[in-house]
Amino acid sequence: MSNKQRVAVLGTGLMGAPMARNLCQAGFSTTVWNRTAAKATALGAFGAVIAGHAAEAVAEADIVISMLSDGPTGALVQADTALRAAVRTGTIWVEMGSIKPEEARAAAEDLRQLGVSYVDAPVSGGTKGAEEASLAIMAGGAPEDFDRVTAALSAMGRPVHVGPVGAGQLAKLANQAIVGIAIAAVAEAMLMLQKGGADPAAVRTALKGGFADSTILQLHGARMTHMDFTPGGLCALQLKDLNNALAEAESFGLRLPTLENTRDRFDHLVYEMDGADLDHAALYLELLARNGLAAQ
């Protein structure tokens, strides 16, 4: 596919803005819209057209990329009368935000009535991956629809087709379960190292290439050591994803005890420690509080 496809990006927050910028820089004709218009304005410097309304953004698009905060927000935008009148038959709607698999399937069925195809393609990699166009992209949908959006997705990261509609969101929930549990494990390891007198940075270097190594160990372990919780992945969104993962597991008749414990800790961090807007590595703060230790 060429990059002559016209792309609309709905949602230009922490993730959506660099993703839209990468589409512009890859040569895609890109129109952007955000509910808070000021968050989209800077993309004009990269060649993006700034739309005043979501309907205006999608009117000429071949591909609509939604990068909104959650499923209900996406459904609200999708239900807008003006947008539904403006979107063209044959357009492909790509949901790149993290929503429930059932929400993805419902959105796909709704859009099908407008002659619009649907791919759910949530991402992993945080703001760093969005900035560097290195996101892991898990796509669910018909193979032919995935083929049509592969070039655009490749401008933002590494897309992999993982199954039918909803499978992308299920893959993202599995990803977030692993991320959340790994953050909890790394937090405990970093605290143990610090209290025992070892150099956490040196230990992270020593563990490189071993079974315990991971991006979370290296990136979030450093965040914990330096107490830097400037948001890349928000705690509030991590909690949302863990709740969604547990709800999906329950629908399969499964209990996931380690994930339940991690969810409960994020819940405490978000609602009892006012940590909603911190990076999810801030679970370290919850661990300190649990041990009666002050953050330094």
C-alpha atoms as a PDB file:
ATOM      1  CA  MET A   1       0.000   0.000   0.000  1.00  0.00           C
ATOM      2  CA  SER A   2       1.204   3.540  -0.692  1.00  0.00           C
ATOM      3  CA  ASN A   3       1.125   6.334   1.849  1.00  0.00           C
ATOM      4  CA  LYS A   4      -1.456   8.223  -0.218  1.00  0.00           C
ATOM      5  CA  GLN A   5      -4.150   7.030   2.144  1.00  0.00           C
ATOM      6  CA  ARG A   6      -5.877   9.810   4.047  1.00  0.00           C
ATOM      7  CA  VAL A   7      -5.861   9.261   7.791  1.00  0.00           C
ATOM      8  CA  ALA A   8      -7.913  10.900  10.531  1.00  0.00           C
ATOM      9  CA  VAL A   9      -6.624  10.670  14.101  1.00  0.00           C
ATOM     10  CA  LEU A  10      -9.215  11.209  16.836  1.00  0.00           C
ATOM     11  CA  GLY A  11      -7.457  11.868  20.130  1.00  0.00           C
ATOM     12  CA  THR A  12      -4.068  13.576  20.320  1.00  0.00           C
ATOM     13  CA  GLY A  13      -3.089  13.191  23.948  1.00  0.00           C
ATOM     14  CA  LEU A  14       0.118  11.669  25.337  1.00  0.00           C
ATOM     15  CA  MET A  15      -0.003   8.781  22.867  1.00  0.00           C
ATOM     16  CA  GLY A  16      -2.102  10.097  19.998  1.00  0.00           C
ATOM     17  CA  ALA A  17      -0.020  13.209  19.344  1.00  0.00           C
ATOM     18  CA  PRO A  18       3.301  11.448  18.607  1.00  0.00           C
ATOM     19  CA  MET A  19       1.465   8.739  16.671  1.00  0.00           C
ATOM     20  CA  ALA A  20      -0.152  11.399  14.463  1.00  0.00           C
ATOM     21  CA  ARG A  21       3.185  13.132  14.038  1.00  0.00           C
ATOM     22  CA  ASN A  22       4.769   9.885  12.840  1.00  0.00           C
ATOM     23  CA  LEU A  23       1.981   9.438  10.301  1.00  0.00           C
ATOM     24  CA  CYS A  24       2.659  12.946   8.997  1.00  0.00           C
ATOM     25  CA  GLN A  25       6.379  12.301   8.795  1.00  0.00           C
ATOM     26  CA  ALA A  26       5.747   9.045   6.928  1.00  0.00           C
ATOM     27  CA  GLY A  27       3.902  11.022   4.258  1.00  0.00           C
ATOM     28  CA  PHE A  28       0.299  10.242   5.120  1.00  0.00           C
ATOM     29  CA  SER A  29      -2.244  12.994   4.607  1.00  0.00           C
ATOM     30  CA  THR A  30      -3.300  13.363   8.232  1.00  0.00           C
ATOM     31  CA  THR A  31      -6.195  15.238   9.823  1.00  0.00           C
ATOM     32  CA  VAL A  32      -6.353  15.409  13.604  1.00  0.00           C
ATOM     33  CA  TRP A  33      -9.052  16.197  16.136  1.00  0.00           C
ATOM     34  CA  ASN A  34      -9.029  16.370  19.910  1.00  0.00           C
ATOM     35  CA  ARG A  35     -11.774  17.295  22.350  1.00  0.00           C
ATOM     36  CA  THR A  36      -9.353  19.781  23.921  1.00  0.00           C
ATOM     37  CA  ALA A  37      -8.353  21.556  20.722  1.00  0.00           C
ATOM     38  CA  ALA A  38      -5.101  22.986  22.108  1.00  0.00           C
ATOM     39  CA  LYS A  39      -3.630  19.476  22.324  1.00  0.00           C
ATOM     40  CA  ALA A  40      -3.894  19.118  18.544  1.00  0.00           C
ATOM     41  CA  THR A  41      -2.653  22.530  17.457  1.00  0.00           C
ATOM     42  CA  ALA A  42       1.085  21.772  17.598  1.00  0.00           C
ATOM     43  CA  LEU A  43       0.661  18.997  15.000  1.00  0.00           C
ATOM     44  CA  GLY A  44       0.055  21.642  12.364  1.00  0.00           C
ATOM     45  CA  ALA A  45       3.820  22.206  12.299  1.00  0.00           C
ATOM     46  CA  PHE A  46       4.231  18.670  10.952  1.00  0.00           C
ATOM     47  CA  GLY A  47       1.650  19.118   8.213  1.00  0.00           C
ATOM     48  CA  ALA A  48      -1.452  17.828   9.969  1.00  0.00           C
ATOM     49  CA  VAL A  49      -4.791  19.482   9.249  1.00  0.00           C
ATOM     50  CA  ILE A  50      -6.472  20.520  12.503  1.00  0.00           C
ATOM     51  CA  ALA A  51     -10.196  19.736  12.476  1.00  0.00           C
ATOM     52  CA  GLY A  52     -12.651  21.602  14.652  1.00  0.00           C
ATOM     53  CA  HIS A  53     -15.045  18.666  14.897  1.00  0.00           C
ATOM     54  CA  ALA A  54     -14.666  14.898  14.696  1.00  0.00           C
ATOM     55  CA  ALA A  55     -17.070  14.838  11.744  1.00  0.00           C
ATOM     56  CA  GLU A  56     -14.808  17.208   9.851  1.00  0.00           C
ATOM     57  CA  ALA A  57     -11.806  14.985  10.572  1.00  0.00           C
ATOM     58  CA  VAL A  58     -13.368  11.773   9.236  1.00  0.00           C
ATOM     59  CA  ALA A  59     -15.170  13.217   6.210  1.00  0.00           C
ATOM     60  CA  GLU A  60     -12.427  12.491   3.665  1.00  0.00           C
ATOM     61  CA  ALA A  61     -10.568   9.760   5.544  1.00  0.00           C
ATOM     62  CA  ASP A  62      -9.728   6.321   4.194  1.00  0.00           C
ATOM     63  CA  ILE A  63      -8.646   5.284   7.692  1.00  0.00           C
ATOM     64  CA  VAL A  64      -9.972   6.639  10.984  1.00  0.00           C
ATOM     65  CA  ILE A  65      -7.698   6.042  13.974  1.00  0.00           C
ATOM     66  CA  SER A  66      -9.315   6.419  17.375  1.00  0.00           C
ATOM     67  CA  MET A  67      -6.922   6.956  20.295  1.00  0.00           C
ATOM     68  CA  LEU A  68      -9.310   7.978  23.052  1.00  0.00           C
ATOM     69  CA  SER A  69      -9.218   7.280  26.772  1.00  0.00           C
ATOM     70  CA  ASP A  70     -11.656   4.373  27.072  1.00  0.00           C
ATOM     71  CA  GLY A  71     -14.525   2.461  25.501  1.00  0.00           C
ATOM     72  CA  PRO A  72     -17.389   4.690  26.668  1.00  0.00           C
ATOM     73  CA  THR A  73     -15.602   7.783  25.357  1.00  0.00           C
ATOM     74  CA  GLY A  74     -15.026   6.105  22.017  1.00  0.00           C
ATOM     75  CA  ALA A  75     -18.658   5.009  21.839  1.00  0.00           C
ATOM     76  CA  LEU A  76     -19.793   8.563  22.559  1.00  0.00           C
ATOM     77  CA  VAL A  77     -17.681   9.943  19.714  1.00  0.00           C
ATOM     78  CA  GLN A  78     -18.785   7.147  17.394  1.00  0.00           C
ATOM     79  CA  ALA A  79     -22.449   7.872  18.185  1.00  0.00           C
ATOM     80  CA  ASP A  80     -22.182  11.532  17.165  1.00  0.00           C
ATOM     81  CA  THR A  81     -24.827  12.194  14.513  1.00  0.00           C
ATOM     82  CA  ALA A  82     -22.657  14.523  12.466  1.00  0.00           C
ATOM     83  CA  LEU A  83     -19.762  12.064  12.452  1.00  0.00           C
ATOM     84  CA  ARG A  84     -21.995   9.190  11.364  1.00  0.00           C
ATOM     85  CA  ALA A  85     -23.305  11.286   8.491  1.00  0.00           C
ATOM     86  CA  ALA A  86     -19.803  12.325   7.458  1.00  0.00           C
ATOM     87  CA  VAL A  87     -17.905   9.033   7.547  1.00  0.00           C
ATOM     88  CA  ARG A  88     -17.739   7.397   4.123  1.00  0.00           C
ATOM     89  CA  THR A  89     -18.729   3.884   3.143  1.00  0.00           C
ATOM     90  CA  GLY A  90     -15.582   1.828   2.682  1.00  0.00           C
ATOM     91  CA  THR A  91     -13.636   3.619   5.406  1.00  0.00           C
ATOM     92  CA  ILE A  92     -11.779   1.473   7.942  1.00  0.00           C
ATOM     93  CA  TRP A  93     -12.052   2.472  11.587  1.00  0.00           C
ATOM     94  CA  VAL A  94      -9.012   1.467  13.654  1.00  0.00           C
ATOM     95  CA  GLU A  95      -9.485   1.516  17.408  1.00  0.00           C
ATOM     96  CA  MET A  96      -6.018   1.939  18.931  1.00  0.00           C
ATOM     97  CA  GLY A  97      -7.115   2.815  22.451  1.00  0.00           C
ATOM     98  CA  SER A  98      -7.477   0.111  25.087  1.00  0.00           C
ATOM     99  CA  ILE A  99     -11.095  -0.963  25.475  1.00  0.00           C
ATOM    100  CA  LYS A 100     -12.915  -4.147  26.388  1.00  0.00           C
ATOM    101  CA  PRO A 101     -13.072  -6.887  23.729  1.00  0.00           C
ATOM    102  CA  GLU A 102     -16.870  -6.801  23.965  1.00  0.00           C
ATOM    103  CA  GLU A 103     -16.794  -3.040  23.339  1.00  0.00           C
ATOM    104  CA  ALA A 104     -14.679  -3.614  20.245  1.00  0.00           C
ATOM    105  CA  ARG A 105     -17.117  -6.186  18.903  1.00  0.00           C
ATOM    106  CA  ALA A 106     -20.066  -3.877  19.574  1.00  0.00           C
ATOM    107  CA  ALA A 107     -18.308  -0.966  17.851  1.00  0.00           C
ATOM    108  CA  ALA A 108     -17.514  -3.147  14.843  1.00  0.00           C
ATOM    109  CA  GLU A 109     -21.138  -4.212  14.478  1.00  0.00           C
ATOM    110  CA  ASP A 110     -22.351  -0.628  14.826  1.00  0.00           C
ATOM    111  CA  LEU A 111     -19.947   0.662  12.175  1.00  0.00           C
ATOM    112  CA  ARG A 112     -20.778  -2.223   9.854  1.00  0.00           C
ATOM    113  CA  GLN A 113     -24.250  -0.739   9.535  1.00  0.00           C
ATOM    114  CA  LEU A 114     -22.611   2.384   8.085  1.00  0.00           C
ATOM    115  CA  GLY A 115     -20.536   0.375   5.619  1.00  0.00           C
ATOM    116  CA  VAL A 116     -17.402   0.988   7.683  1.00  0.00           C
ATOM    117  CA  SER A 117     -14.951  -1.830   8.469  1.00  0.00           C
ATOM    118  CA  TYR A 118     -13.263  -2.163  11.851  1.00  0.00           C
ATOM    119  CA  VAL A 119      -9.890  -3.217  13.216  1.00  0.00           C
ATOM    120  CA  ASP A 120      -9.065  -3.137  16.913  1.00  0.00           C
ATOM    121  CA  ALA A 121      -5.349  -2.440  17.252  1.00  0.00           C
ATOM    122  CA  PRO A 122      -4.319  -1.413  20.777  1.00  0.00           C
ATOM    123  CA  VAL A 123      -0.681  -0.679  21.447  1.00  0.00           C
ATOM    124  CA  SER A 124       2.065  -1.288  23.986  1.00  0.00           C
ATOM    125  CA  GLY A 125       5.253   0.676  24.452  1.00  0.00           C
ATOM    126  CA  GLY A 126       4.072   3.818  26.215  1.00  0.00           C
ATOM    127  CA  THR A 127       4.967   7.335  25.234  1.00  0.00           C
ATOM    128  CA  LYS A 128       8.548   6.293  24.444  1.00  0.00           C
ATOM    129  CA  GLY A 129       7.294   3.779  21.885  1.00  0.00           C
ATOM    130  CA  ALA A 130       4.863   6.331  20.469  1.00  0.00           C
ATOM    131  CA  GLU A 131       7.640   8.918  20.106  1.00  0.00           C
ATOM    132  CA  GLU A 132      10.019   6.439  18.476  1.00  0.00           C
ATOM    133  CA  ALA A 133       7.389   4.760  16.237  1.00  0.00           C
ATOM    134  CA  SER A 134       8.289   1.446  17.885  1.00  0.00           C
ATOM    135  CA  LEU A 135       4.925   0.509  19.385  1.00  0.00           C
ATOM    136  CA  ALA A 136       3.859  -3.113  19.605  1.00  0.00           C
ATOM    137  CA  ILE A 137       0.512  -3.136  17.783  1.00  0.00           C
ATOM    138  CA  MET A 138      -1.882  -6.060  18.295  1.00  0.00           C
ATOM    139  CA  ALA A 139      -4.541  -6.071  15.593  1.00  0.00           C
ATOM    140  CA  GLY A 140      -7.846  -7.912  15.475  1.00  0.00           C
ATOM    141  CA  GLY A 141     -10.087  -7.948  12.433  1.00  0.00           C
ATOM    142  CA  ALA A 142     -10.561  -9.459   9.001  1.00  0.00           C
ATOM    143  CA  PRO A 143      -7.221 -10.235   7.295  1.00  0.00           C
ATOM    144  CA  GLU A 144      -8.127  -8.099   4.284  1.00  0.00           C
ATOM    145  CA  ASP A 145      -8.904  -5.114   6.529  1.00  0.00           C
ATOM    146  CA  PHE A 146      -5.624  -5.569   8.368  1.00  0.00           C
ATOM    147  CA  ASP A 147      -3.811  -5.602   5.023  1.00  0.00           C
ATOM    148  CA  ARG A 148      -5.376  -2.259   4.093  1.00  0.00           C
ATOM    149  CA  VAL A 149      -4.185  -0.539   7.274  1.00  0.00           C
ATOM    150  CA  THR A 150      -0.795  -2.225   7.655  1.00  0.00           C
ATOM    151  CA  ALA A 151       1.157   0.602   6.009  1.00  0.00           C
ATOM    152  CA  ALA A 152      -0.372   3.240   8.287  1.00  0.00           C
ATOM    153  CA  LEU A 153       0.123   1.101  11.376  1.00  0.00           C
ATOM    154  CA  SER A 154       3.725   0.437  10.366  1.00  0.00           C
ATOM    155  CA  ALA A 155       4.394   4.182  10.479  1.00  0.00           C
ATOM    156  CA  MET A 156       3.716   3.975  14.218  1.00  0.00           C
ATOM    157  CA  GLY A 157       5.230   0.637  15.177  1.00  0.00           C
ATOM    158  CA  ARG A 158       5.174  -3.096  14.511  1.00  0.00           C
ATOM    159  CA  PRO A 159       1.666  -4.384  13.702  1.00  0.00           C
ATOM    160  CA  VAL A 160       0.817  -8.071  14.062  1.00  0.00           C
ATOM    161  CA  HIS A 161      -2.541  -9.602  13.139  1.00  0.00           C
ATOM    162  CA  VAL A 162      -3.642 -11.701  16.142  1.00  0.00           C
ATOM    163  CA  GLY A 163      -7.165 -12.833  15.206  1.00  0.00           C
ATOM    164  CA  PRO A 164     -10.729 -11.600  14.597  1.00  0.00           C
ATOM    165  CA  VAL A 165     -12.278  -8.405  15.935  1.00  0.00           C
ATOM    166  CA  GLY A 166     -11.742  -8.256  19.703  1.00  0.00           C
ATOM    167  CA  ALA A 167      -8.567 -10.347  19.637  1.00  0.00           C
ATOM    168  CA  GLY A 168      -6.393  -7.244  19.593  1.00  0.00           C
ATOM    169  CA  GLN A 169      -7.997  -5.989  22.786  1.00  0.00           C
ATOM    170  CA  LEU A 170      -7.693  -9.414  24.402  1.00  0.00           C
ATOM    171  CA  ALA A 171      -3.977  -9.429  23.520  1.00  0.00           C
ATOM    172  CA  LYS A 172      -3.618  -5.968  25.073  1.00  0.00           C
ATOM    173  CA  LEU A 173      -5.289  -7.164  28.272  1.00  0.00           C
ATOM    174  CA  ALA A 174      -2.802 -10.044  28.425  1.00  0.00           C
ATOM    175  CA  ASN A 175      -0.019  -7.535  27.855  1.00  0.00           C
ATOM    176  CA  GLN A 176      -1.272  -5.263  30.630  1.00  0.00           C
ATOM    177  CA  ALA A 177      -1.597  -8.189  33.009  1.00  0.00           C
ATOM    178  CA  ILE A 178       2.058  -9.036  32.402  1.00  0.00           C
ATOM    179  CA  VAL A 179       3.091  -5.374  32.695  1.00  0.00           C
ATOM    180  CA  GLY A 180       1.236  -4.799  35.957  1.00  0.00           C
ATOM    181  CA  ILE A 181       2.513  -7.964  37.607  1.00  0.00           C
ATOM    182  CA  ALA A 182       6.063  -7.283  36.391  1.00  0.00           C
ATOM    183  CA  ILE A 183       5.962  -3.743  37.805  1.00  0.00           C
ATOM    184  CA  ALA A 184       4.941  -5.186  41.164  1.00  0.00           C
ATOM    185  CA  ALA A 185       7.813  -7.696  41.040  1.00  0.00           C
ATOM    186  CA  VAL A 186      10.378  -5.082  40.007  1.00  0.00           C
ATOM    187  CA  ALA A 187       9.210  -2.732  42.766  1.00  0.00           C
ATOM    188  CA  GLU A 188       9.776  -5.424  45.378  1.00  0.00           C
ATOM    189  CA  ALA A 189      13.199  -6.256  43.951  1.00  0.00           C
ATOM    190  CA  MET A 190      14.302  -2.604  43.851  1.00  0.00           C
ATOM    191  CA  LEU A 191      13.203  -2.018  47.444  1.00  0.00           C
ATOM    192  CA  MET A 192      14.967  -5.161  48.643  1.00  0.00           C
ATOM    193  CA  LEU A 193      18.171  -4.090  46.881  1.00  0.00           C
ATOM    194  CA  GLN A 194      18.078  -0.597  48.328  1.00  0.00           C
ATOM    195  CA  LYS A 195      17.376  -1.740  51.876  1.00  0.00           C
ATOM    196  CA  GLY A 196      20.098  -4.398  51.616  1.00  0.00           C
ATOM    197  CA  GLY A 197      22.749  -1.906  50.520  1.00  0.00           C
ATOM    198  CA  ALA A 198      23.218  -3.097  46.946  1.00  0.00           C
ATOM    199  CA  ASP A 199      23.417  -0.653  44.021  1.00  0.00           C
ATOM    200  CA  PRO A 200      20.134  -1.113  42.109  1.00  0.00           C
ATOM    201  CA  ALA A 201      21.582   0.373  38.900  1.00  0.00           C
ATOM    202  CA  ALA A 202      24.555  -1.992  39.005  1.00  0.00           C
ATOM    203  CA  VAL A 203      22.253  -4.961  39.637  1.00  0.00           C
ATOM    204  CA  ARG A 204      20.088  -3.987  36.660  1.00  0.00           C
ATOM    205  CA  THR A 205      23.248  -3.967  34.544  1.00  0.00           C
ATOM    206  CA  ALA A 206      24.293  -7.345  35.929  1.00  0.00           C
ATOM    207  CA  LEU A 207      20.910  -8.843  35.063  1.00  0.00           C
ATOM    208  CA  LYS A 208      20.933  -7.705  31.425  1.00  0.00           C
ATOM    209  CA  GLY A 209      20.447 -10.654  29.110  1.00  0.00           C
ATOM    210  CA  GLY A 210      19.379 -12.977  31.904  1.00  0.00           C
ATOM    211  CA  PHE A 211      15.976 -14.510  32.532  1.00  0.00           C
ATOM    212  CA  ALA A 212      14.977 -11.643  34.855  1.00  0.00           C
ATOM    213  CA  ASP A 213      15.834  -8.916  32.356  1.00  0.00           C
ATOM    214  CA  SER A 214      13.053  -6.887  30.801  1.00  0.00           C
ATOM    215  CA  THR A 215      12.166  -3.399  29.626  1.00  0.00           C
ATOM    216  CA  ILE A 216      10.227  -2.990  32.851  1.00  0.00           C
ATOM    217  CA  LEU A 217      13.260  -3.913  34.943  1.00  0.00           C
ATOM    218  CA  GLN A 218      15.530  -1.518  33.085  1.00  0.00           C
ATOM    219  CA  LEU A 219      13.141   1.396  32.500  1.00  0.00           C
ATOM    220  CA  HIS A 220      10.793   1.263  35.454  1.00  0.00           C
ATOM    221  CA  GLY A 221      13.454  -0.039  37.822  1.00  0.00           C
ATOM    222  CA  ALA A 222      15.386   3.166  37.099  1.00  0.00           C
ATOM    223  CA  ARG A 223      12.238   5.244  37.588  1.00  0.00           C
ATOM    224  CA  MET A 224      11.739   3.670  40.995  1.00  0.00           C
ATOM    225  CA  THR A 225      15.344   4.243  42.046  1.00  0.00           C
ATOM    226  CA  HIS A 226      15.184   7.904  41.001  1.00  0.00           C
ATOM    227  CA  MET A 227      11.584   8.385  42.181  1.00  0.00           C
ATOM    228  CA  ASP A 228      10.643   9.693  38.743  1.00  0.00           C
ATOM    229  CA  PHE A 229       6.972   9.024  38.127  1.00  0.00           C
ATOM    230  CA  THR A 230       6.353  11.523  35.343  1.00  0.00           C
ATOM    231  CA  PRO A 231       3.585   9.796  33.403  1.00  0.00           C
ATOM    232  CA  GLY A 232       4.299   7.606  30.434  1.00  0.00           C
ATOM    233  CA  GLY A 233       1.632   5.034  31.242  1.00  0.00           C
ATOM    234  CA  LEU A 234      -0.892   6.451  33.710  1.00  0.00           C
ATOM    235  CA  CYS A 235      -1.802   4.509  36.846  1.00  0.00           C
ATOM    236  CA  ALA A 236      -5.475   5.239  36.175  1.00  0.00           C
ATOM    237  CA  LEU A 237      -5.264   3.602  32.757  1.00  0.00           C
ATOM    238  CA  GLN A 238      -3.261   0.664  34.096  1.00  0.00           C
ATOM    239  CA  LEU A 239      -5.977   0.084  36.691  1.00  0.00           C
ATOM    240  CA  LYS A 240      -8.677   0.299  34.018  1.00  0.00           C
ATOM    241  CA  ASP A 241      -6.881  -2.350  31.964  1.00  0.00           C
ATOM    242  CA  LEU A 242      -6.392  -4.677  34.927  1.00  0.00           C
ATOM    243  CA  ASN A 243     -10.078  -4.415  35.806  1.00  0.00           C
ATOM    244  CA  ASN A 244     -10.962  -5.198  32.194  1.00  0.00           C
ATOM    245  CA  ALA A 245      -8.583  -8.163  32.157  1.00  0.00           C
ATOM    246  CA  LEU A 246     -10.115  -9.616  35.299  1.00  0.00           C
ATOM    247  CA  ALA A 247     -13.639  -9.110  33.955  1.00  0.00           C
ATOM    248  CA  GLU A 248     -12.678 -10.941  30.769  1.00  0.00           C
ATOM    249  CA  ALA A 249     -11.082 -13.770  32.757  1.00  0.00           C
ATOM    250  CA  GLU A 250     -14.218 -14.051  34.882  1.00  0.00           C
ATOM    251  CA  SER A 251     -16.291 -14.406  31.714  1.00  0.00           C
ATOM    252  CA  PHE A 252     -14.165 -17.483  30.911  1.00  0.00           C
ATOM    253  CA  GLY A 253     -14.724 -18.861  34.421  1.00  0.00           C
ATOM    254  CA  LEU A 254     -11.121 -18.130  35.443  1.00  0.00           C
ATOM    255  CA  ARG A 255      -9.564 -16.822  38.659  1.00  0.00           C
ATOM    256  CA  LEU A 256      -6.204 -15.057  38.276  1.00  0.00           C
ATOM    257  CA  PRO A 257      -5.010 -14.519  41.850  1.00  0.00           C
ATOM    258  CA  THR A 258      -1.711 -12.763  41.119  1.00  0.00           C
ATOM    259  CA  LEU A 259      -3.478 -10.329  38.834  1.00  0.00           C
ATOM    260  CA  GLU A 260      -6.216  -9.761  41.419  1.00  0.00           C
ATOM    261  CA  ASN A 261      -3.610  -8.840  44.028  1.00  0.00           C
ATOM    262  CA  THR A 262      -1.852  -6.462  41.630  1.00  0.00           C
ATOM    263  CA  ARG A 263      -5.167  -4.856  40.663  1.00  0.00           C
ATOM    264  CA  ASP A 264      -6.013  -4.292  44.315  1.00  0.00           C
ATOM    265  CA  ARG A 265      -2.681  -2.567  44.881  1.00  0.00           C
ATOM    266  CA  PHE A 266      -3.151  -0.262  41.889  1.00  0.00           C
ATOM    267  CA  ASP A 267      -6.669   0.464  43.121  1.00  0.00           C
ATOM    268  CA  HIS A 268      -5.252   1.545  46.481  1.00  0.00           C
ATOM    269  CA  LEU A 269      -2.601   3.675  44.776  1.00  0.00           C
ATOM    270  CA  VAL A 270      -5.145   5.424  42.542  1.00  0.00           C
ATOM    271  CA  TYR A 271      -7.964   5.980  45.010  1.00  0.00           C
ATOM    272  CA  GLU A 272      -6.333   6.081  48.445  1.00  0.00           C
ATOM    273  CA  MET A 273      -2.958   7.638  47.532  1.00  0.00           C
ATOM    274  CA  ASP A 274      -4.090  10.055  44.805  1.00  0.00           C
ATOM    275  CA  GLY A 275      -1.833   8.349  42.259  1.00  0.00           C
ATOM    276  CA  ALA A 276      -4.146   8.318  39.235  1.00  0.00           C
ATOM    277  CA  ASP A 277      -2.014  10.699  37.180  1.00  0.00           C
ATOM    278  CA  LEU A 278       1.371   9.172  38.049  1.00  0.00           C
ATOM    279  CA  ASP A 279       3.291   6.734  35.877  1.00  0.00           C
ATOM    280  CA  HIS A 280       2.384   3.129  36.642  1.00  0.00           C
ATOM    281  CA  ALA A 281       5.900   2.593  38.002  1.00  0.00           C
ATOM    282  CA  ALA A 282       4.561   4.550  40.992  1.00  0.00           C
ATOM    283  CA  LEU A 283       3.296   1.241  42.350  1.00  0.00           C
ATOM    284  CA  TYR A 284       6.663   1.505  44.114  1.00  0.00           C
ATOM    285  CA  LEU A 285       5.104   4.248  46.274  1.00  0.00           C
ATOM    286  CA  GLU A 286       2.328   1.878  47.312  1.00  0.00           C
ATOM    287  CA  LEU A 287       4.989  -0.658  48.305  1.00  0.00           C
ATOM    288  CA  LEU A 288       6.839   1.921  50.388  1.00  0.00           C
ATOM    289  CA  ALA A 289       3.599   2.877  52.161  1.00  0.00           C
ATOM    290  CA  ARG A 290       2.795  -0.798  52.737  1.00  0.00           C
ATOM    291  CA  ASN A 291       6.157  -1.113  54.512  1.00  0.00           C
ATOM    292  CA  GLY A 292       5.727   2.073  56.520  1.00  0.00           C
ATOM    293  CA  LEU A 293       8.516   3.811  54.610  1.00  0.00           C
ATOM    294  CA  ALA A 294       8.473   7.426  53.471  1.00  0.00           C
ATOM    295  CA  ALA A 295       9.136   8.361  49.849  1.00  0.00           C
ATOM    296  CA  GLN A 296      12.467  10.139  49.506  1.00  0.00           C
END
